Amino acid sequence: MGAKLVSFDSVADCAAWAEAADPASVQPDLCIVDYRLESGRNGVEAIAALRQRFGARLPAIVVTGSTMSTLDKEAQEKDFHLLLKPVVPNKLRAMIAFKLGVKPAR
């Protein structure tokens, strides 16, 4: 199984890529974003931009160093999972497998 990765330096770059992409030929399987981004922006904004273009069901994982209880509520309301830093590789792999609906390799 392979993967193609697209990364962005800002929410604006992410939104511009999503807007320019043709949903008939480009369909992300998963987005993994950091919560805290440039200029006070956050990863939830990047998820919103991607979901606006590719559909509300796009699976998402937000990685954060914050333990703010409001993030748990936001994760539930906006349908994404949180992983707290430092992220253990096995936990990240398991979360990716869960979000993609596949069984993790053993």
PDB file of N, CA and C in Angstrom:
ATOM      1  N   MET A   1       0.852  -1.162   0.000  1.00  0.00           N
ATOM      2  CA  MET A   1       0.000   0.000   0.000  1.00  0.00           C
ATOM      3  C   MET A   1       0.906   1.236   0.000  1.00  0.00           C
ATOM      4  N   GLY A   2       0.619   2.169  -0.858  1.00  0.00           N
ATOM      5  CA  GLY A   2       1.414   3.384  -0.955  1.00  0.00           C
ATOM      6  C   GLY A   2       0.596   4.594  -0.542  1.00  0.00           C
ATOM      7  N   ALA A   3       1.275   5.707  -0.536  1.00  0.00           N
ATOM      8  CA  ALA A   3       0.602   6.943  -0.160  1.00  0.00           C
ATOM      9  C   ALA A   3       1.212   8.101  -0.929  1.00  0.00           C
ATOM     10  N   LYS A   4       0.386   9.078  -1.211  1.00  0.00           N
ATOM     11  CA  LYS A   4       0.860  10.331  -1.779  1.00  0.00           C
ATOM     12  C   LYS A   4       0.583  11.395  -0.728  1.00  0.00           C
ATOM     13  N   LEU A   5       1.594  12.164  -0.419  1.00  0.00           N
ATOM     14  CA  LEU A   5       1.501  13.164   0.629  1.00  0.00           C
ATOM     15  C   LEU A   5       1.542  14.556   0.027  1.00  0.00           C
ATOM     16  N   VAL A   6       0.663  15.409   0.511  1.00  0.00           N
ATOM     17  CA  VAL A   6       0.672  16.815   0.130  1.00  0.00           C
ATOM     18  C   VAL A   6       0.726  17.592   1.436  1.00  0.00           C
ATOM     19  N   SER A   7       1.678  18.526   1.542  1.00  0.00           N
ATOM     20  CA  SER A   7       1.786  19.305   2.776  1.00  0.00           C
ATOM     21  C   SER A   7       1.734  20.794   2.454  1.00  0.00           C
ATOM     22  N   PHE A   8       1.373  21.565   3.456  1.00  0.00           N
ATOM     23  CA  PHE A   8       1.199  23.008   3.281  1.00  0.00           C
ATOM     24  C   PHE A   8       1.838  23.757   4.442  1.00  0.00           C
ATOM     25  N   ASP A   9       2.301  24.966   4.152  1.00  0.00           N
ATOM     26  CA  ASP A   9       2.906  25.817   5.174  1.00  0.00           C
ATOM     27  C   ASP A   9       1.897  26.725   5.860  1.00  0.00           C
ATOM     28  N   SER A  10       0.686  26.811   5.295  1.00  0.00           N
ATOM     29  CA  SER A  10      -0.301  27.720   5.875  1.00  0.00           C
ATOM     30  C   SER A  10      -1.709  27.255   5.532  1.00  0.00           C
ATOM     31  N   VAL A  11      -2.667  27.772   6.273  1.00  0.00           N
ATOM     32  CA  VAL A  11      -4.079  27.500   5.975  1.00  0.00           C
ATOM     33  C   VAL A  11      -4.424  28.058   4.603  1.00  0.00           C
ATOM     34  N   ALA A  12      -3.891  29.222   4.277  1.00  0.00           N
ATOM     35  CA  ALA A  12      -4.166  29.831   2.971  1.00  0.00           C
ATOM     36  C   ALA A  12      -3.673  28.940   1.833  1.00  0.00           C
ATOM     37  N   ASP A  13      -2.476  28.365   1.964  1.00  0.00           N
ATOM     38  CA  ASP A  13      -1.954  27.457   0.936  1.00  0.00           C
ATOM     39  C   ASP A  13      -2.831  26.210   0.809  1.00  0.00           C
ATOM     40  N   CYS A  14      -3.263  25.695   1.934  1.00  0.00           N
ATOM     41  CA  CYS A  14      -4.137  24.526   1.947  1.00  0.00           C
ATOM     42  C   CYS A  14      -5.457  24.840   1.234  1.00  0.00           C
ATOM     43  N   ALA A  15      -6.056  25.967   1.580  1.00  0.00           N
ATOM     44  CA  ALA A  15      -7.329  26.365   0.970  1.00  0.00           C
ATOM     45  C   ALA A  15      -7.172  26.608  -0.526  1.00  0.00           C
ATOM     46  N   ALA A  16      -6.073  27.222  -0.939  1.00  0.00           N
ATOM     47  CA  ALA A  16      -5.830  27.487  -2.366  1.00  0.00           C
ATOM     48  C   ALA A  16      -5.677  26.176  -3.130  1.00  0.00           C
ATOM     49  N   TRP A  17      -4.948  25.213  -2.556  1.00  0.00           N
ATOM     50  CA  TRP A  17      -4.791  23.913  -3.205  1.00  0.00           C
ATOM     51  C   TRP A  17      -6.148  23.222  -3.343  1.00  0.00           C
ATOM     52  N   ALA A  18      -6.933  23.241  -2.269  1.00  0.00           N
ATOM     53  CA  ALA A  18      -8.244  22.593  -2.298  1.00  0.00           C
ATOM     54  C   ALA A  18      -9.139  23.229  -3.359  1.00  0.00           C
ATOM     55  N   GLU A  19      -9.126  24.534  -3.426  1.00  0.00           N
ATOM     56  CA  GLU A  19      -9.966  25.244  -4.397  1.00  0.00           C
ATOM     57  C   GLU A  19      -9.560  24.919  -5.831  1.00  0.00           C
ATOM     58  N   ALA A  20      -8.273  24.769  -6.074  1.00  0.00           N
ATOM     59  CA  ALA A  20      -7.778  24.491  -7.425  1.00  0.00           C
ATOM     60  C   ALA A  20      -7.914  23.017  -7.810  1.00  0.00           C
ATOM     61  N   ALA A  21      -8.051  22.133  -6.823  1.00  0.00           N
ATOM     62  CA  ALA A  21      -8.118  20.694  -7.092  1.00  0.00           C
ATOM     63  C   ALA A  21      -9.458  20.311  -7.697  1.00  0.00           C
ATOM     64  N   ASP A  22      -9.430  19.338  -8.579  1.00  0.00           N
ATOM     65  CA  ASP A  22     -10.640  18.788  -9.186  1.00  0.00           C
ATOM     66  C   ASP A  22     -11.085  17.586  -8.355  1.00  0.00           C
ATOM     67  N   PRO A  23     -12.200  17.697  -7.618  1.00  0.00           N
ATOM     68  CA  PRO A  23     -12.644  16.585  -6.767  1.00  0.00           C
ATOM     69  C   PRO A  23     -12.901  15.286  -7.528  1.00  0.00           C
ATOM     70  N   ALA A  24     -13.083  15.378  -8.847  1.00  0.00           N
ATOM     71  CA  ALA A  24     -13.288  14.164  -9.639  1.00  0.00           C
ATOM     72  C   ALA A  24     -11.990  13.372  -9.796  1.00  0.00           C
ATOM     73  N   SER A  25     -10.848  14.051  -9.719  1.00  0.00           N
ATOM     74  CA  SER A  25      -9.574  13.353  -9.903  1.00  0.00           C
ATOM     75  C   SER A  25      -8.691  13.360  -8.656  1.00  0.00           C
ATOM     76  N   VAL A  26      -8.979  14.225  -7.713  1.00  0.00           N
ATOM     77  CA  VAL A  26      -8.214  14.305  -6.465  1.00  0.00           C
ATOM     78  C   VAL A  26      -9.182  14.139  -5.301  1.00  0.00           C
ATOM     79  N   GLN A  27      -8.933  13.141  -4.472  1.00  0.00           N
ATOM     80  CA  GLN A  27      -9.785  12.939  -3.297  1.00  0.00           C
ATOM     81  C   GLN A  27      -8.921  12.505  -2.128  1.00  0.00           C
ATOM     82  N   PRO A  28      -8.617  13.422  -1.201  1.00  0.00           N
ATOM     83  CA  PRO A  28      -7.812  13.033  -0.034  1.00  0.00           C
ATOM     84  C   PRO A  28      -8.507  11.931   0.762  1.00  0.00           C
ATOM     85  N   ASP A  29      -7.704  11.022   1.303  1.00  0.00           N
ATOM     86  CA  ASP A  29      -8.223   9.951   2.148  1.00  0.00           C
ATOM     87  C   ASP A  29      -8.244  10.352   3.617  1.00  0.00           C
ATOM     88  N   LEU A  30      -7.346  11.264   3.982  1.00  0.00           N
ATOM     89  CA  LEU A  30      -7.174  11.623   5.385  1.00  0.00           C
ATOM     90  C   LEU A  30      -6.389  12.920   5.479  1.00  0.00           C
ATOM     91  N   CYS A  31      -6.715  13.745   6.452  1.00  0.00           N
ATOM     92  CA  CYS A  31      -5.850  14.904   6.715  1.00  0.00           C
ATOM     93  C   CYS A  31      -5.374  14.836   8.163  1.00  0.00           C
ATOM     94  N   ILE A  32      -4.098  15.133   8.327  1.00  0.00           N
ATOM     95  CA  ILE A  32      -3.459  15.192   9.640  1.00  0.00           C
ATOM     96  C   ILE A  32      -2.903  16.594   9.765  1.00  0.00           C
ATOM     97  N   VAL A  33      -3.348  17.323  10.767  1.00  0.00           N
ATOM     98  CA  VAL A  33      -2.950  18.719  10.914  1.00  0.00           C
ATOM     99  C   VAL A  33      -2.512  19.013  12.341  1.00  0.00           C
ATOM    100  N   ASP A  34      -1.625  19.980  12.449  1.00  0.00           N
ATOM    101  CA  ASP A  34      -1.249  20.493  13.764  1.00  0.00           C
ATOM    102  C   ASP A  34      -2.337  21.490  14.169  1.00  0.00           C
ATOM    103  N   TYR A  35      -2.615  21.583  15.457  1.00  0.00           N
ATOM    104  CA  TYR A  35      -3.652  22.520  15.888  1.00  0.00           C
ATOM    105  C   TYR A  35      -3.193  23.962  15.732  1.00  0.00           C
ATOM    106  N   ARG A  36      -2.026  24.273  16.254  1.00  0.00           N
ATOM    107  CA  ARG A  36      -1.554  25.662  16.216  1.00  0.00           C
ATOM    108  C   ARG A  36      -0.753  25.903  14.950  1.00  0.00           C
ATOM    109  N   LEU A  37      -1.226  26.851  14.161  1.00  0.00           N
ATOM    110  CA  LEU A  37      -0.570  27.174  12.898  1.00  0.00           C
ATOM    111  C   LEU A  37      -0.162  28.636  12.883  1.00  0.00           C
ATOM    112  N   GLU A  38       0.209  29.112  11.729  1.00  0.00           N
ATOM    113  CA  GLU A  38       0.747  30.462  11.567  1.00  0.00           C
ATOM    114  C   GLU A  38      -0.290  31.539  11.880  1.00  0.00           C
ATOM    115  N   SER A  39       0.191  32.666  12.344  1.00  0.00           N
ATOM    116  CA  SER A  39      -0.616  33.886  12.527  1.00  0.00           C
ATOM    117  C   SER A  39      -1.915  33.661  13.296  1.00  0.00           C
ATOM    118  N   GLY A  40      -1.871  32.798  14.303  1.00  0.00           N
ATOM    119  CA  GLY A  40      -3.061  32.577  15.114  1.00  0.00           C
ATOM    120  C   GLY A  40      -4.101  31.660  14.482  1.00  0.00           C
ATOM    121  N   ARG A  41      -3.796  31.120  13.319  1.00  0.00           N
ATOM    122  CA  ARG A  41      -4.721  30.193  12.654  1.00  0.00           C
ATOM    123  C   ARG A  41      -4.581  28.820  13.301  1.00  0.00           C
ATOM    124  N   ASN A  42      -5.506  27.919  12.980  1.00  0.00           N
ATOM    125  CA  ASN A  42      -5.403  26.579  13.541  1.00  0.00           C
ATOM    126  C   ASN A  42      -5.784  25.515  12.525  1.00  0.00           C
ATOM    127  N   GLY A  43      -5.432  24.293  12.851  1.00  0.00           N
ATOM    128  CA  GLY A  43      -5.648  23.171  11.955  1.00  0.00           C
ATOM    129  C   GLY A  43      -7.104  22.888  11.659  1.00  0.00           C
ATOM    130  N   VAL A  44      -7.990  23.268  12.568  1.00  0.00           N
ATOM    131  CA  VAL A  44      -9.416  23.062  12.326  1.00  0.00           C
ATOM    132  C   VAL A  44      -9.863  23.895  11.124  1.00  0.00           C
ATOM    133  N   GLU A  45      -9.248  25.050  10.935  1.00  0.00           N
ATOM    134  CA  GLU A  45      -9.549  25.876   9.757  1.00  0.00           C
ATOM    135  C   GLU A  45      -9.099  25.173   8.479  1.00  0.00           C
ATOM    136  N   ALA A  46      -7.955  24.516   8.520  1.00  0.00           N
ATOM    137  CA  ALA A  46      -7.470  23.763   7.357  1.00  0.00           C
ATOM    138  C   ALA A  46      -8.413  22.604   7.046  1.00  0.00           C
ATOM    139  N   ILE A  47      -8.874  21.906   8.069  1.00  0.00           N
ATOM    140  CA  ILE A  47      -9.831  20.817   7.872  1.00  0.00           C
ATOM    141  C   ILE A  47     -11.099  21.355   7.217  1.00  0.00           C
ATOM    142  N   ALA A  48     -11.584  22.487   7.702  1.00  0.00           N
ATOM    143  CA  ALA A  48     -12.808  23.083   7.144  1.00  0.00           C
ATOM    144  C   ALA A  48     -12.637  23.397   5.661  1.00  0.00           C
ATOM    145  N   ALA A  49     -11.476  23.930   5.284  1.00  0.00           N
ATOM    146  CA  ALA A  49     -11.224  24.256   3.877  1.00  0.00           C
ATOM    147  C   ALA A  49     -11.221  23.000   3.020  1.00  0.00           C
ATOM    148  N   LEU A  50     -10.597  21.943   3.521  1.00  0.00           N
ATOM    149  CA  LEU A  50     -10.558  20.685   2.774  1.00  0.00           C
ATOM    150  C   LEU A  50     -11.947  20.055   2.686  1.00  0.00           C
ATOM    151  N   ARG A  51     -12.678  20.063   3.774  1.00  0.00           N
ATOM    152  CA  ARG A  51     -14.015  19.460   3.773  1.00  0.00           C
ATOM    153  C   ARG A  51     -14.993  20.248   2.907  1.00  0.00           C
ATOM    154  N   GLN A  52     -14.801  21.540   2.835  1.00  0.00           N
ATOM    155  CA  GLN A  52     -15.678  22.343   1.979  1.00  0.00           C
ATOM    156  C   GLN A  52     -15.547  21.897   0.528  1.00  0.00           C
ATOM    157  N   ARG A  53     -14.357  21.542   0.126  1.00  0.00           N
ATOM    158  CA  ARG A  53     -14.107  21.142  -1.255  1.00  0.00           C
ATOM    159  C   ARG A  53     -14.347  19.652  -1.493  1.00  0.00           C
ATOM    160  N   PHE A  54     -13.952  18.807  -0.517  1.00  0.00           N
ATOM    161  CA  PHE A  54     -13.959  17.364  -0.725  1.00  0.00           C
ATOM    162  C   PHE A  54     -15.033  16.613   0.053  1.00  0.00           C
ATOM    163  N   GLY A  55     -15.829  17.313   0.810  1.00  0.00           N
ATOM    164  CA  GLY A  55     -16.919  16.680   1.536  1.00  0.00           C
ATOM    165  C   GLY A  55     -16.690  16.599   3.033  1.00  0.00           C
ATOM    166  N   ALA A  56     -17.790  16.680   3.757  1.00  0.00           N
ATOM    167  CA  ALA A  56     -17.753  16.726   5.222  1.00  0.00           C
ATOM    168  C   ALA A  56     -17.266  15.435   5.858  1.00  0.00           C
ATOM    169  N   ARG A  57     -17.241  14.365   5.107  1.00  0.00           N
ATOM    170  CA  ARG A  57     -16.850  13.078   5.684  1.00  0.00           C
ATOM    171  C   ARG A  57     -15.346  12.815   5.614  1.00  0.00           C
ATOM    172  N   LEU A  58     -14.565  13.770   5.124  1.00  0.00           N
ATOM    173  CA  LEU A  58     -13.109  13.602   5.057  1.00  0.00           C
ATOM    174  C   LEU A  58     -12.560  13.360   6.470  1.00  0.00           C
ATOM    175  N   PRO A  59     -11.940  12.205   6.713  1.00  0.00           N
ATOM    176  CA  PRO A  59     -11.409  11.911   8.043  1.00  0.00           C
ATOM    177  C   PRO A  59     -10.265  12.864   8.405  1.00  0.00           C
ATOM    178  N   ALA A  60     -10.187  13.203   9.686  1.00  0.00           N
ATOM    179  CA  ALA A  60      -9.174  14.164  10.120  1.00  0.00           C
ATOM    180  C   ALA A  60      -8.643  13.818  11.502  1.00  0.00           C
ATOM    181  N   ILE A  61      -7.338  14.082  11.651  1.00  0.00           N
ATOM    182  CA  ILE A  61      -6.648  13.941  12.929  1.00  0.00           C
ATOM    183  C   ILE A  61      -5.958  15.264  13.216  1.00  0.00           C
ATOM    184  N   VAL A  62      -6.132  15.774  14.417  1.00  0.00           N
ATOM    185  CA  VAL A  62      -5.467  16.996  14.845  1.00  0.00           C
ATOM    186  C   VAL A  62      -4.442  16.628  15.912  1.00  0.00           C
ATOM    187  N   VAL A  63      -3.214  17.061  15.694  1.00  0.00           N
ATOM    188  CA  VAL A  63      -2.125  16.829  16.640  1.00  0.00           C
ATOM    189  C   VAL A  63      -1.914  18.125  17.410  1.00  0.00           C
ATOM    190  N   THR A  64      -1.839  18.016  18.721  1.00  0.00           N
ATOM    191  CA  THR A  64      -1.705  19.222  19.532  1.00  0.00           C
ATOM    192  C   THR A  64      -0.892  18.961  20.789  1.00  0.00           C
ATOM    193  N   GLY A  65      -0.261  20.001  21.255  1.00  0.00           N
ATOM    194  CA  GLY A  65       0.431  19.948  22.535  1.00  0.00           C
ATOM    195  C   GLY A  65      -0.441  20.513  23.640  1.00  0.00           C
ATOM    196  N   SER A  66      -1.599  21.012  23.269  1.00  0.00           N
ATOM    197  CA  SER A  66      -2.511  21.652  24.216  1.00  0.00           C
ATOM    198  C   SER A  66      -3.419  20.623  24.872  1.00  0.00           C
ATOM    199  N   THR A  67      -3.680  20.813  26.135  1.00  0.00           N
ATOM    200  CA  THR A  67      -4.624  19.953  26.843  1.00  0.00           C
ATOM    201  C   THR A  67      -5.901  20.716  27.184  1.00  0.00           C
ATOM    202  N   MET A  68      -6.194  21.759  26.407  1.00  0.00           N
ATOM    203  CA  MET A  68      -7.406  22.553  26.644  1.00  0.00           C
ATOM    204  C   MET A  68      -8.638  21.658  26.512  1.00  0.00           C
ATOM    205  N   SER A  69      -9.506  21.695  27.508  1.00  0.00           N
ATOM    206  CA  SER A  69     -10.697  20.844  27.477  1.00  0.00           C
ATOM    207  C   SER A  69     -11.650  21.251  26.352  1.00  0.00           C
ATOM    208  N   THR A  70     -11.564  22.485  25.887  1.00  0.00           N
ATOM    209  CA  THR A  70     -12.449  22.927  24.807  1.00  0.00           C
ATOM    210  C   THR A  70     -12.127  22.203  23.496  1.00  0.00           C
ATOM    211  N   LEU A  71     -10.899  21.718  23.337  1.00  0.00           N
ATOM    212  CA  LEU A  71     -10.544  20.986  22.124  1.00  0.00           C
ATOM    213  C   LEU A  71     -11.298  19.663  22.039  1.00  0.00           C
ATOM    214  N   ASP A  72     -11.512  18.999  23.149  1.00  0.00           N
ATOM    215  CA  ASP A  72     -12.274  17.752  23.140  1.00  0.00           C
ATOM    216  C   ASP A  72     -13.690  17.993  22.634  1.00  0.00           C
ATOM    217  N   LYS A  73     -14.300  19.052  23.110  1.00  0.00           N
ATOM    218  CA  LYS A  73     -15.662  19.393  22.679  1.00  0.00           C
ATOM    219  C   LYS A  73     -15.669  19.748  21.195  1.00  0.00           C
ATOM    220  N   GLU A  74     -14.700  20.539  20.760  1.00  0.00           N
ATOM    221  CA  GLU A  74     -14.612  20.925  19.354  1.00  0.00           C
ATOM    222  C   GLU A  74     -14.381  19.697  18.474  1.00  0.00           C
ATOM    223  N   ALA A  75     -13.569  18.762  18.938  1.00  0.00           N
ATOM    224  CA  ALA A  75     -13.313  17.537  18.183  1.00  0.00           C
ATOM    225  C   ALA A  75     -14.603  16.748  17.977  1.00  0.00           C
ATOM    226  N   GLN A  76     -15.413  16.669  19.007  1.00  0.00           N
ATOM    227  CA  GLN A  76     -16.696  15.972  18.889  1.00  0.00           C
ATOM    228  C   GLN A  76     -17.626  16.706  17.927  1.00  0.00           C
ATOM    229  N   GLU A  77     -17.732  18.004  18.092  1.00  0.00           N
ATOM    230  CA  GLU A  77     -18.644  18.795  17.265  1.00  0.00           C
ATOM    231  C   GLU A  77     -18.235  18.799  15.795  1.00  0.00           C
ATOM    232  N   LYS A  78     -16.927  18.790  15.530  1.00  0.00           N
ATOM    233  CA  LYS A  78     -16.439  18.940  14.156  1.00  0.00           C
ATOM    234  C   LYS A  78     -15.861  17.649  13.584  1.00  0.00           C
ATOM    235  N   ASP A  79     -16.086  16.546  14.283  1.00  0.00           N
ATOM    236  CA  ASP A  79     -15.755  15.211  13.805  1.00  0.00           C
ATOM    237  C   ASP A  79     -14.290  15.029  13.408  1.00  0.00           C
ATOM    238  N   PHE A  80     -13.401  15.240  14.366  1.00  0.00           N
ATOM    239  CA  PHE A  80     -12.003  14.888  14.175  1.00  0.00           C
ATOM    240  C   PHE A  80     -11.482  14.267  15.459  1.00  0.00           C
ATOM    241  N   HIS A  81     -10.382  13.547  15.359  1.00  0.00           N
ATOM    242  CA  HIS A  81      -9.760  12.952  16.531  1.00  0.00           C
ATOM    243  C   HIS A  81      -8.527  13.755  16.926  1.00  0.00           C
ATOM    244  N   LEU A  82      -8.261  13.783  18.208  1.00  0.00           N
ATOM    245  CA  LEU A  82      -7.099  14.490  18.755  1.00  0.00           C
ATOM    246  C   LEU A  82      -6.009  13.498  19.151  1.00  0.00           C
ATOM    247  N   LEU A  83      -4.778  13.862  18.865  1.00  0.00           N
ATOM    248  CA  LEU A  83      -3.617  13.148  19.385  1.00  0.00           C
ATOM    249  C   LEU A  83      -2.743  14.181  20.091  1.00  0.00           C
ATOM    250  N   LEU A  84      -2.365  13.877  21.311  1.00  0.00           N
ATOM    251  CA  LEU A  84      -1.530  14.797  22.080  1.00  0.00           C
ATOM    252  C   LEU A  84      -0.058  14.534  21.835  1.00  0.00           C
ATOM    253  N   LYS A  85       0.699  15.641  21.705  1.00  0.00           N
ATOM    254  CA  LYS A  85       2.157  15.546  21.540  1.00  0.00           C
ATOM    255  C   LYS A  85       2.781  15.222  22.881  1.00  0.00           C
ATOM    256  N   PRO A  86       3.865  14.523  22.902  1.00  0.00           N
ATOM    257  CA  PRO A  86       4.529  13.904  21.762  1.00  0.00           C
ATOM    258  C   PRO A  86       3.733  12.685  21.304  1.00  0.00           C
ATOM    259  N   VAL A  87       3.593  12.530  19.991  1.00  0.00           N
ATOM    260  CA  VAL A  87       2.813  11.429  19.426  1.00  0.00           C
ATOM    261  C   VAL A  87       3.708  10.207  19.261  1.00  0.00           C
ATOM    262  N   VAL A  88       3.296   9.130  19.853  1.00  0.00           N
ATOM    263  CA  VAL A  88       4.011   7.866  19.759  1.00  0.00           C
ATOM    264  C   VAL A  88       3.690   7.252  18.389  1.00  0.00           C
ATOM    265  N   PRO A  89       4.710   6.825  17.633  1.00  0.00           N
ATOM    266  CA  PRO A  89       4.469   6.300  16.285  1.00  0.00           C
ATOM    267  C   PRO A  89       3.395   5.206  16.209  1.00  0.00           C
ATOM    268  N   ASN A  90       3.400   4.267  17.153  1.00  0.00           N
ATOM    269  CA  ASN A  90       2.388   3.203  17.123  1.00  0.00           C
ATOM    270  C   ASN A  90       0.981   3.757  17.292  1.00  0.00           C
ATOM    271  N   LYS A  91       0.848   4.775  18.109  1.00  0.00           N
ATOM    272  CA  LYS A  91      -0.461   5.384  18.321  1.00  0.00           C
ATOM    273  C   LYS A  91      -0.918   6.116  17.052  1.00  0.00           C
ATOM    274  N   LEU A  92       0.008   6.796  16.398  1.00  0.00           N
ATOM    275  CA  LEU A  92      -0.319   7.477  15.141  1.00  0.00           C
ATOM    276  C   LEU A  92      -0.725   6.460  14.076  1.00  0.00           C
ATOM    277  N   ARG A  93       0.035   5.393  13.935  1.00  0.00           N
ATOM    278  CA  ARG A  93      -0.312   4.348  12.961  1.00  0.00           C
ATOM    279  C   ARG A  93      -1.691   3.766  13.245  1.00  0.00           C
ATOM    280  N   ALA A  94      -1.964   3.498  14.506  1.00  0.00           N
ATOM    281  CA  ALA A  94      -3.262   2.937  14.881  1.00  0.00           C
ATOM    282  C   ALA A  94      -4.395   3.917  14.570  1.00  0.00           C
ATOM    283  N   MET A  95      -4.178   5.200  14.836  1.00  0.00           N
ATOM    284  CA  MET A  95      -5.209   6.202  14.563  1.00  0.00           C
ATOM    285  C   MET A  95      -5.438   6.343  13.059  1.00  0.00           C
ATOM    286  N   ILE A  96      -4.368   6.328  12.279  1.00  0.00           N
ATOM    287  CA  ILE A  96      -4.502   6.402  10.819  1.00  0.00           C
ATOM    288  C   ILE A  96      -5.302   5.202  10.325  1.00  0.00           C
ATOM    289  N   ALA A  97      -4.958   4.018  10.792  1.00  0.00           N
ATOM    290  CA  ALA A  97      -5.683   2.810  10.380  1.00  0.00           C
ATOM    291  C   ALA A  97      -7.155   2.910  10.760  1.00  0.00           C
ATOM    292  N   PHE A  98      -7.431   3.376  11.964  1.00  0.00           N
ATOM    293  CA  PHE A  98      -8.811   3.529  12.423  1.00  0.00           C
ATOM    294  C   PHE A  98      -9.567   4.504  11.531  1.00  0.00           C
ATOM    295  N   LYS A  99      -8.964   5.657  11.254  1.00  0.00           N
ATOM    296  CA  LYS A  99      -9.637   6.677  10.444  1.00  0.00           C
ATOM    297  C   LYS A  99      -9.862   6.197   9.007  1.00  0.00           C
ATOM    298  N   LEU A 100      -8.958   5.362   8.491  1.00  0.00           N
ATOM    299  CA  LEU A 100      -9.096   4.846   7.130  1.00  0.00           C
ATOM    300  C   LEU A 100      -9.934   3.566   7.082  1.00  0.00           C
ATOM    301  N   GLY A 101     -10.255   3.029   8.253  1.00  0.00           N
ATOM    302  CA  GLY A 101     -11.075   1.824   8.308  1.00  0.00           C
ATOM    303  C   GLY A 101     -10.337   0.563   7.913  1.00  0.00           C
ATOM    304  N   VAL A 102      -9.037   0.535   8.197  1.00  0.00           N
ATOM    305  CA  VAL A 102      -8.245  -0.670   7.888  1.00  0.00           C
ATOM    306  C   VAL A 102      -7.658  -1.224   9.177  1.00  0.00           C
ATOM    307  N   LYS A 103      -7.357  -2.502   9.133  1.00  0.00           N
ATOM    308  CA  LYS A 103      -6.719  -3.118  10.295  1.00  0.00           C
ATOM    309  C   LYS A 103      -5.233  -2.813  10.260  1.00  0.00           C
ATOM    310  N   PRO A 104      -4.655  -2.363  11.378  1.00  0.00           N
ATOM    311  CA  PRO A 104      -3.220  -2.083  11.407  1.00  0.00           C
ATOM    312  C   PRO A 104      -2.405  -3.360  11.226  1.00  0.00           C
ATOM    313  N   ALA A 105      -1.265  -3.234  10.574  1.00  0.00           N
ATOM    314  CA  ALA A 105      -0.362  -4.370  10.384  1.00  0.00           C
ATOM    315  C   ALA A 105       0.225  -4.761  11.734  1.00  0.00           C
ATOM    316  N   ARG A 106       0.415  -6.018  11.906  1.00  0.00           N
ATOM    317  CA  ARG A 106       0.992  -6.507  13.172  1.00  0.00           C
ATOM    318  C   ARG A 106       2.385  -6.977  12.960  1.00  0.00           C
TER     319      ARG A 106
END
